[in-house]
Amino acid sequence: AATGNHVGIAAPFAGPILPVRVLGSRGTGKLSDVADGIDWAVAHGARVINLSLGTPFESHTLEDSVKDAWRAGAVVVAAAGNAGERQQLFPAGFNEAISVSAWAFADDDIAEFASYHRTVELTAPGEHIYSAFLQGGYQLLSGSSMATPFVSGVAAALLAARPELTNECLRELLHETAEDVRAPGRDDKTGFGLVRFDRAVAALDTFTCP
């Protein structure tokens, strides 16, 4: 999956990727392993940490790692969940994480399966996403785990263009340039709105951190 070869799916031109395995082959694992993975990523210089995973159980160990990552300057982006109802998952529910819900363009609304909560900050495409898959090849997948990497990719590309941006400034930039797709203002289903890479890039030259 190389960028720019017009084959399959790959990352944007936004710097190196540090793949960190924190779950087993069935997509399950220990919260302590997730926390350790976050710590490892921070120790190795990661500025954007994508967490396409979640649990309904609030873990102080996991929260400490997310807080430490934020204090170190990293942006933590996490999946809001796929319960199709009001639900809070973690690490998305922590204040230092950007919680992302799944948007369905076919419905012009959040996906039917999308979880929502007052902690949701952004929404991104999360239905029928063409993705790399296990044992090679590609497959259409749906879920907030598909939406989260869109926000992470936008964040990484913006940092590549303006590496001096702090995580607080980057978060604010994502909020200000999101497309408000529901009732005016922030809401529990889409947060500040649909992430918009084009708007964020256009705002880079004039954006100043509050």
C-alpha atoms as a PDB file:
ATOM      1  CA  ALA A   1       0.000   0.000   0.000  1.00  0.00           C
ATOM      2  CA  ALA A   2       2.324   2.695  -1.286  1.00  0.00           C
ATOM      3  CA  THR A   3       1.218   6.301  -1.631  1.00  0.00           C
ATOM      4  CA  GLY A   4       0.945   7.631  -5.179  1.00  0.00           C
ATOM      5  CA  ASN A   5       1.017   4.360  -7.139  1.00  0.00           C
ATOM      6  CA  HIS A   6      -2.728   4.462  -7.961  1.00  0.00           C
ATOM      7  CA  VAL A   7      -3.228   0.990  -6.481  1.00  0.00           C
ATOM      8  CA  GLY A   8      -5.543   0.227  -3.577  1.00  0.00           C
ATOM      9  CA  ILE A   9      -5.498   2.294  -0.399  1.00  0.00           C
ATOM     10  CA  ALA A  10      -2.599   4.160   1.165  1.00  0.00           C
ATOM     11  CA  ALA A  11      -1.799   6.991   3.523  1.00  0.00           C
ATOM     12  CA  PRO A  12      -1.598  10.664   2.536  1.00  0.00           C
ATOM     13  CA  PHE A  13       1.747  12.359   2.011  1.00  0.00           C
ATOM     14  CA  ALA A  14       1.992  13.184   5.692  1.00  0.00           C
ATOM     15  CA  GLY A  15       5.060  11.522   7.114  1.00  0.00           C
ATOM     16  CA  PRO A  16       5.854   8.032   8.387  1.00  0.00           C
ATOM     17  CA  ILE A  17       3.317   5.658   9.937  1.00  0.00           C
ATOM     18  CA  LEU A  18       4.091   3.769  13.145  1.00  0.00           C
ATOM     19  CA  PRO A  19       1.880   0.664  13.131  1.00  0.00           C
ATOM     20  CA  VAL A  20       1.384  -0.559  16.701  1.00  0.00           C
ATOM     21  CA  ARG A  21      -0.426  -3.830  17.346  1.00  0.00           C
ATOM     22  CA  VAL A  22      -2.501  -3.684  20.535  1.00  0.00           C
ATOM     23  CA  LEU A  23      -5.252  -6.240  19.758  1.00  0.00           C
ATOM     24  CA  GLY A  24      -5.249  -9.899  18.814  1.00  0.00           C
ATOM     25  CA  SER A  25      -6.287 -11.487  15.531  1.00  0.00           C
ATOM     26  CA  ARG A  26      -9.957 -11.427  16.601  1.00  0.00           C
ATOM     27  CA  GLY A  27      -9.918  -7.730  17.373  1.00  0.00           C
ATOM     28  CA  THR A  28      -9.947  -8.128  21.131  1.00  0.00           C
ATOM     29  CA  GLY A  29      -7.319  -7.528  23.780  1.00  0.00           C
ATOM     30  CA  LYS A  30      -6.380  -5.976  27.094  1.00  0.00           C
ATOM     31  CA  LEU A  31      -6.851  -2.309  27.898  1.00  0.00           C
ATOM     32  CA  SER A  32      -3.374  -2.337  29.402  1.00  0.00           C
ATOM     33  CA  ASP A  33      -1.976  -3.354  26.007  1.00  0.00           C
ATOM     34  CA  VAL A  34      -3.773  -0.439  24.351  1.00  0.00           C
ATOM     35  CA  ALA A  35      -2.337   1.894  26.988  1.00  0.00           C
ATOM     36  CA  ASP A  36       1.133   0.456  26.426  1.00  0.00           C
ATOM     37  CA  GLY A  37       0.738   0.979  22.684  1.00  0.00           C
ATOM     38  CA  ILE A  38      -0.152   4.627  23.190  1.00  0.00           C
ATOM     39  CA  ASP A  39       2.843   5.080  25.482  1.00  0.00           C
ATOM     40  CA  TRP A  40       5.119   3.422  22.913  1.00  0.00           C
ATOM     41  CA  ALA A  41       3.819   5.635  20.112  1.00  0.00           C
ATOM     42  CA  VAL A  42       4.407   8.776  22.164  1.00  0.00           C
ATOM     43  CA  ALA A  43       7.909   7.627  23.110  1.00  0.00           C
ATOM     44  CA  HIS A  44       8.675   7.170  19.410  1.00  0.00           C
ATOM     45  CA  GLY A  45       7.530  10.640  18.430  1.00  0.00           C
ATOM     46  CA  ALA A  46       3.989  10.066  17.168  1.00  0.00           C
ATOM     47  CA  ARG A  47       2.047  13.325  16.814  1.00  0.00           C
ATOM     48  CA  VAL A  48      -1.227  11.722  15.722  1.00  0.00           C
ATOM     49  CA  ILE A  49      -2.503   8.517  17.333  1.00  0.00           C
ATOM     50  CA  ASN A  50      -5.419   6.737  15.650  1.00  0.00           C
ATOM     51  CA  LEU A  51      -7.484   4.434  17.877  1.00  0.00           C
ATOM     52  CA  SER A  52     -10.072   2.565  15.821  1.00  0.00           C
ATOM     53  CA  LEU A  53     -11.248   0.688  18.882  1.00  0.00           C
ATOM     54  CA  GLY A  54     -13.262   1.213  22.027  1.00  0.00           C
ATOM     55  CA  THR A  55     -14.676  -0.218  25.218  1.00  0.00           C
ATOM     56  CA  PRO A  56     -17.625   0.764  27.427  1.00  0.00           C
ATOM     57  CA  PHE A  57     -15.387   0.288  30.450  1.00  0.00           C
ATOM     58  CA  GLU A  58     -13.624   3.363  31.786  1.00  0.00           C
ATOM     59  CA  SER A  59     -10.011   2.511  32.555  1.00  0.00           C
ATOM     60  CA  HIS A  60      -7.789   4.792  34.609  1.00  0.00           C
ATOM     61  CA  THR A  61      -4.734   3.162  33.048  1.00  0.00           C
ATOM     62  CA  LEU A  62      -6.003   3.936  29.554  1.00  0.00           C
ATOM     63  CA  GLU A  63      -7.044   7.442  30.564  1.00  0.00           C
ATOM     64  CA  ASP A  64      -3.601   8.159  32.002  1.00  0.00           C
ATOM     65  CA  SER A  65      -1.967   7.118  28.727  1.00  0.00           C
ATOM     66  CA  VAL A  66      -4.305   9.310  26.673  1.00  0.00           C
ATOM     67  CA  LYS A  67      -3.667  12.258  29.002  1.00  0.00           C
ATOM     68  CA  ASP A  68       0.092  11.684  28.835  1.00  0.00           C
ATOM     69  CA  ALA A  69      -0.097  11.597  25.035  1.00  0.00           C
ATOM     70  CA  TRP A  70      -1.966  14.906  24.990  1.00  0.00           C
ATOM     71  CA  ARG A  71       0.508  16.503  27.395  1.00  0.00           C
ATOM     72  CA  ALA A  72       3.312  15.313  25.113  1.00  0.00           C
ATOM     73  CA  GLY A  73       1.702  17.187  22.217  1.00  0.00           C
ATOM     74  CA  ALA A  74       0.037  14.292  20.400  1.00  0.00           C
ATOM     75  CA  VAL A  75      -3.458  14.363  18.912  1.00  0.00           C
ATOM     76  CA  VAL A  76      -5.459  11.292  19.935  1.00  0.00           C
ATOM     77  CA  VAL A  77      -8.353  10.360  17.615  1.00  0.00           C
ATOM     78  CA  ALA A  78     -10.769   7.609  18.670  1.00  0.00           C
ATOM     79  CA  ALA A  79     -13.867   5.800  17.394  1.00  0.00           C
ATOM     80  CA  ALA A  80     -17.222   6.768  18.925  1.00  0.00           C
ATOM     81  CA  GLY A  81     -18.739   3.301  18.426  1.00  0.00           C
ATOM     82  CA  ASN A  82     -21.297   1.364  16.409  1.00  0.00           C
ATOM     83  CA  ALA A  83     -24.201   0.674  18.779  1.00  0.00           C
ATOM     84  CA  GLY A  84     -26.719   2.778  16.849  1.00  0.00           C
ATOM     85  CA  GLU A  85     -27.756   4.534  20.040  1.00  0.00           C
ATOM     86  CA  ARG A  86     -26.508   6.905  22.712  1.00  0.00           C
ATOM     87  CA  GLN A  87     -23.365   5.286  24.061  1.00  0.00           C
ATOM     88  CA  GLN A  88     -20.061   6.401  25.474  1.00  0.00           C
ATOM     89  CA  LEU A  89     -16.974   4.427  24.596  1.00  0.00           C
ATOM     90  CA  PHE A  90     -13.428   4.898  25.765  1.00  0.00           C
ATOM     91  CA  PRO A  91     -10.875   6.199  24.904  1.00  0.00           C
ATOM     92  CA  ALA A  92     -13.216   8.356  22.759  1.00  0.00           C
ATOM     93  CA  GLY A  93     -14.962   9.543  25.915  1.00  0.00           C
ATOM     94  CA  PHE A  94     -11.848  11.028  27.483  1.00  0.00           C
ATOM     95  CA  ASN A  95     -11.492  14.808  27.259  1.00  0.00           C
ATOM     96  CA  GLU A  96      -8.075  14.532  25.621  1.00  0.00           C
ATOM     97  CA  ALA A  97      -9.348  12.361  22.738  1.00  0.00           C
ATOM     98  CA  ILE A  98     -11.190  13.506  19.611  1.00  0.00           C
ATOM     99  CA  SER A  99     -14.281  11.295  19.328  1.00  0.00           C
ATOM    100  CA  VAL A 100     -15.406  10.534  15.752  1.00  0.00           C
ATOM    101  CA  SER A 101     -18.799   9.209  14.628  1.00  0.00           C
ATOM    102  CA  ALA A 102     -19.533   7.490  11.303  1.00  0.00           C
ATOM    103  CA  TRP A 103     -21.205   9.481   8.507  1.00  0.00           C
ATOM    104  CA  ALA A 104     -23.201   7.874   5.689  1.00  0.00           C
ATOM    105  CA  PHE A 105     -23.244   9.939   2.492  1.00  0.00           C
ATOM    106  CA  ALA A 106     -25.998   7.710   1.071  1.00  0.00           C
ATOM    107  CA  ASP A 107     -28.327   8.871   3.856  1.00  0.00           C
ATOM    108  CA  ASP A 108     -26.868  12.372   4.205  1.00  0.00           C
ATOM    109  CA  ASP A 109     -26.752  11.703   7.942  1.00  0.00           C
ATOM    110  CA  ILE A 110     -24.792   9.710  10.470  1.00  0.00           C
ATOM    111  CA  ALA A 111     -24.855   5.986   9.741  1.00  0.00           C
ATOM    112  CA  GLU A 112     -27.717   3.989  11.251  1.00  0.00           C
ATOM    113  CA  PHE A 113     -25.231   2.007  13.320  1.00  0.00           C
ATOM    114  CA  ALA A 114     -23.366   5.079  14.590  1.00  0.00           C
ATOM    115  CA  SER A 115     -23.139   5.662  18.323  1.00  0.00           C
ATOM    116  CA  TYR A 116     -23.557   9.193  19.594  1.00  0.00           C
ATOM    117  CA  HIS A 117     -22.797  11.071  22.790  1.00  0.00           C
ATOM    118  CA  ARG A 118     -22.113  14.600  23.968  1.00  0.00           C
ATOM    119  CA  THR A 119     -18.377  13.836  23.686  1.00  0.00           C
ATOM    120  CA  VAL A 120     -18.513  13.376  19.879  1.00  0.00           C
ATOM    121  CA  GLU A 121     -16.444  16.128  18.244  1.00  0.00           C
ATOM    122  CA  LEU A 122     -16.435  15.276  14.547  1.00  0.00           C
ATOM    123  CA  THR A 123     -17.997  12.939  12.034  1.00  0.00           C
ATOM    124  CA  ALA A 124     -16.309  11.399   8.974  1.00  0.00           C
ATOM    125  CA  PRO A 125     -17.146   8.903   6.212  1.00  0.00           C
ATOM    126  CA  GLY A 126     -17.752   5.534   7.846  1.00  0.00           C
ATOM    127  CA  GLU A 127     -19.979   3.480   5.563  1.00  0.00           C
ATOM    128  CA  HIS A 128     -18.814   1.252   2.687  1.00  0.00           C
ATOM    129  CA  ILE A 129     -15.208   2.391   2.922  1.00  0.00           C
ATOM    130  CA  TYR A 130     -12.771   0.621   0.611  1.00  0.00           C
ATOM    131  CA  SER A 131     -10.072  -0.652   2.941  1.00  0.00           C
ATOM    132  CA  ALA A 132      -7.052  -2.892   3.094  1.00  0.00           C
ATOM    133  CA  PHE A 133      -8.000  -6.205   4.726  1.00  0.00           C
ATOM    134  CA  LEU A 134      -6.532  -9.206   6.528  1.00  0.00           C
ATOM    135  CA  GLN A 135      -4.326 -11.575   4.515  1.00  0.00           C
ATOM    136  CA  GLY A 136      -4.028  -9.005   1.744  1.00  0.00           C
ATOM    137  CA  GLY A 137      -6.543  -7.559  -0.669  1.00  0.00           C
ATOM    138  CA  TYR A 138      -9.291  -5.007  -0.102  1.00  0.00           C
ATOM    139  CA  GLN A 139     -12.842  -4.987   1.198  1.00  0.00           C
ATOM    140  CA  LEU A 140     -15.719  -2.579   1.805  1.00  0.00           C
ATOM    141  CA  LEU A 141     -16.011  -1.981   5.533  1.00  0.00           C
ATOM    142  CA  SER A 142     -18.271   0.164   7.709  1.00  0.00           C
ATOM    143  CA  GLY A 143     -17.967   1.554  11.219  1.00  0.00           C
ATOM    144  CA  SER A 144     -16.588   4.405  13.252  1.00  0.00           C
ATOM    145  CA  SER A 145     -13.263   2.575  13.011  1.00  0.00           C
ATOM    146  CA  MET A 146     -13.357   3.492   9.319  1.00  0.00           C
ATOM    147  CA  ALA A 147     -14.302   7.105  10.063  1.00  0.00           C
ATOM    148  CA  THR A 148     -11.588   7.742  12.624  1.00  0.00           C
ATOM    149  CA  PRO A 149      -8.639   7.385  10.189  1.00  0.00           C
ATOM    150  CA  PHE A 150     -10.106  10.119   7.975  1.00  0.00           C
ATOM    151  CA  VAL A 151      -9.743  12.576  10.839  1.00  0.00           C
ATOM    152  CA  SER A 152      -6.316  11.206  11.749  1.00  0.00           C
ATOM    153  CA  GLY A 153      -5.182  11.513   8.144  1.00  0.00           C
ATOM    154  CA  VAL A 154      -6.380  15.102   7.908  1.00  0.00           C
ATOM    155  CA  ALA A 155      -4.628  15.922  11.181  1.00  0.00           C
ATOM    156  CA  ALA A 156      -1.377  14.339   9.997  1.00  0.00           C
ATOM    157  CA  ALA A 157      -1.462  16.178   6.668  1.00  0.00           C
ATOM    158  CA  LEU A 158      -2.101  19.507   8.398  1.00  0.00           C
ATOM    159  CA  LEU A 159       0.815  18.916  10.755  1.00  0.00           C
ATOM    160  CA  ALA A 160       3.020  18.056   7.790  1.00  0.00           C
ATOM    161  CA  ALA A 161       2.169  21.463   6.328  1.00  0.00           C
ATOM    162  CA  ARG A 162       2.350  23.373   9.618  1.00  0.00           C
ATOM    163  CA  PRO A 163       4.481  21.321  12.041  1.00  0.00           C
ATOM    164  CA  GLU A 164       4.533  24.169  14.547  1.00  0.00           C
ATOM    165  CA  LEU A 165       0.816  23.724  15.281  1.00  0.00           C
ATOM    166  CA  THR A 166       0.123  22.512  18.802  1.00  0.00           C
ATOM    167  CA  ASN A 167      -2.428  19.783  19.413  1.00  0.00           C
ATOM    168  CA  GLU A 168      -4.778  22.374  20.921  1.00  0.00           C
ATOM    169  CA  CYS A 169      -4.519  24.581  17.825  1.00  0.00           C
ATOM    170  CA  LEU A 170      -4.982  21.641  15.481  1.00  0.00           C
ATOM    171  CA  ARG A 171      -8.074  20.524  17.365  1.00  0.00           C
ATOM    172  CA  GLU A 172      -9.530  24.015  17.113  1.00  0.00           C
ATOM    173  CA  LEU A 173      -8.731  24.167  13.387  1.00  0.00           C
ATOM    174  CA  LEU A 174     -10.588  20.894  12.801  1.00  0.00           C
ATOM    175  CA  HIS A 175     -13.575  22.243  14.733  1.00  0.00           C
ATOM    176  CA  GLU A 176     -13.680  25.582  12.923  1.00  0.00           C
ATOM    177  CA  THR A 177     -13.410  24.106   9.434  1.00  0.00           C
ATOM    178  CA  ALA A 178     -15.836  21.199   9.884  1.00  0.00           C
ATOM    179  CA  GLU A 179     -19.064  21.318   7.857  1.00  0.00           C
ATOM    180  CA  ASP A 180     -22.044  21.779  10.165  1.00  0.00           C
ATOM    181  CA  VAL A 181     -24.317  19.103   8.708  1.00  0.00           C
ATOM    182  CA  ARG A 182     -27.156  19.114  11.224  1.00  0.00           C
ATOM    183  CA  ALA A 183     -28.826  21.833  13.312  1.00  0.00           C
ATOM    184  CA  PRO A 184     -26.569  24.879  13.762  1.00  0.00           C
ATOM    185  CA  GLY A 185     -23.919  24.392  16.414  1.00  0.00           C
ATOM    186  CA  ARG A 186     -22.421  21.356  18.070  1.00  0.00           C
ATOM    187  CA  ASP A 187     -24.633  18.295  18.535  1.00  0.00           C
ATOM    188  CA  ASP A 188     -24.286  14.844  20.077  1.00  0.00           C
ATOM    189  CA  LYS A 189     -24.325  12.967  16.758  1.00  0.00           C
ATOM    190  CA  THR A 190     -21.846  14.875  14.606  1.00  0.00           C
ATOM    191  CA  GLY A 191     -20.094  17.150  17.083  1.00  0.00           C
ATOM    192  CA  PHE A 192     -18.859  20.237  15.246  1.00  0.00           C
ATOM    193  CA  GLY A 193     -19.628  18.576  11.920  1.00  0.00           C
ATOM    194  CA  LEU A 194     -18.158  16.637   9.015  1.00  0.00           C
ATOM    195  CA  VAL A 195     -14.381  16.865   8.803  1.00  0.00           C
ATOM    196  CA  ARG A 196     -13.347  18.885   5.737  1.00  0.00           C
ATOM    197  CA  PHE A 197      -9.759  18.555   4.582  1.00  0.00           C
ATOM    198  CA  ASP A 198     -10.243  21.155   1.854  1.00  0.00           C
ATOM    199  CA  ARG A 199     -11.511  23.784   4.262  1.00  0.00           C
ATOM    200  CA  ALA A 200      -8.779  23.046   6.782  1.00  0.00           C
ATOM    201  CA  VAL A 201      -6.039  23.391   4.160  1.00  0.00           C
ATOM    202  CA  ALA A 202      -7.564  26.621   2.854  1.00  0.00           C
ATOM    203  CA  ALA A 203      -7.572  28.028   6.387  1.00  0.00           C
ATOM    204  CA  LEU A 204      -3.960  27.121   7.162  1.00  0.00           C
ATOM    205  CA  ASP A 205      -2.419  30.381   5.960  1.00  0.00           C
ATOM    206  CA  THR A 206      -4.739  32.596   7.971  1.00  0.00           C
ATOM    207  CA  PHE A 207      -5.510  30.432  10.990  1.00  0.00           C
ATOM    208  CA  THR A 208      -4.233  31.651  14.323  1.00  0.00           C
ATOM    209  CA  CYS A 209      -4.591  29.699  17.511  1.00  0.00           C
ATOM    210  CA  PRO A 210      -7.045  31.318  19.946  1.00  0.00           C
END
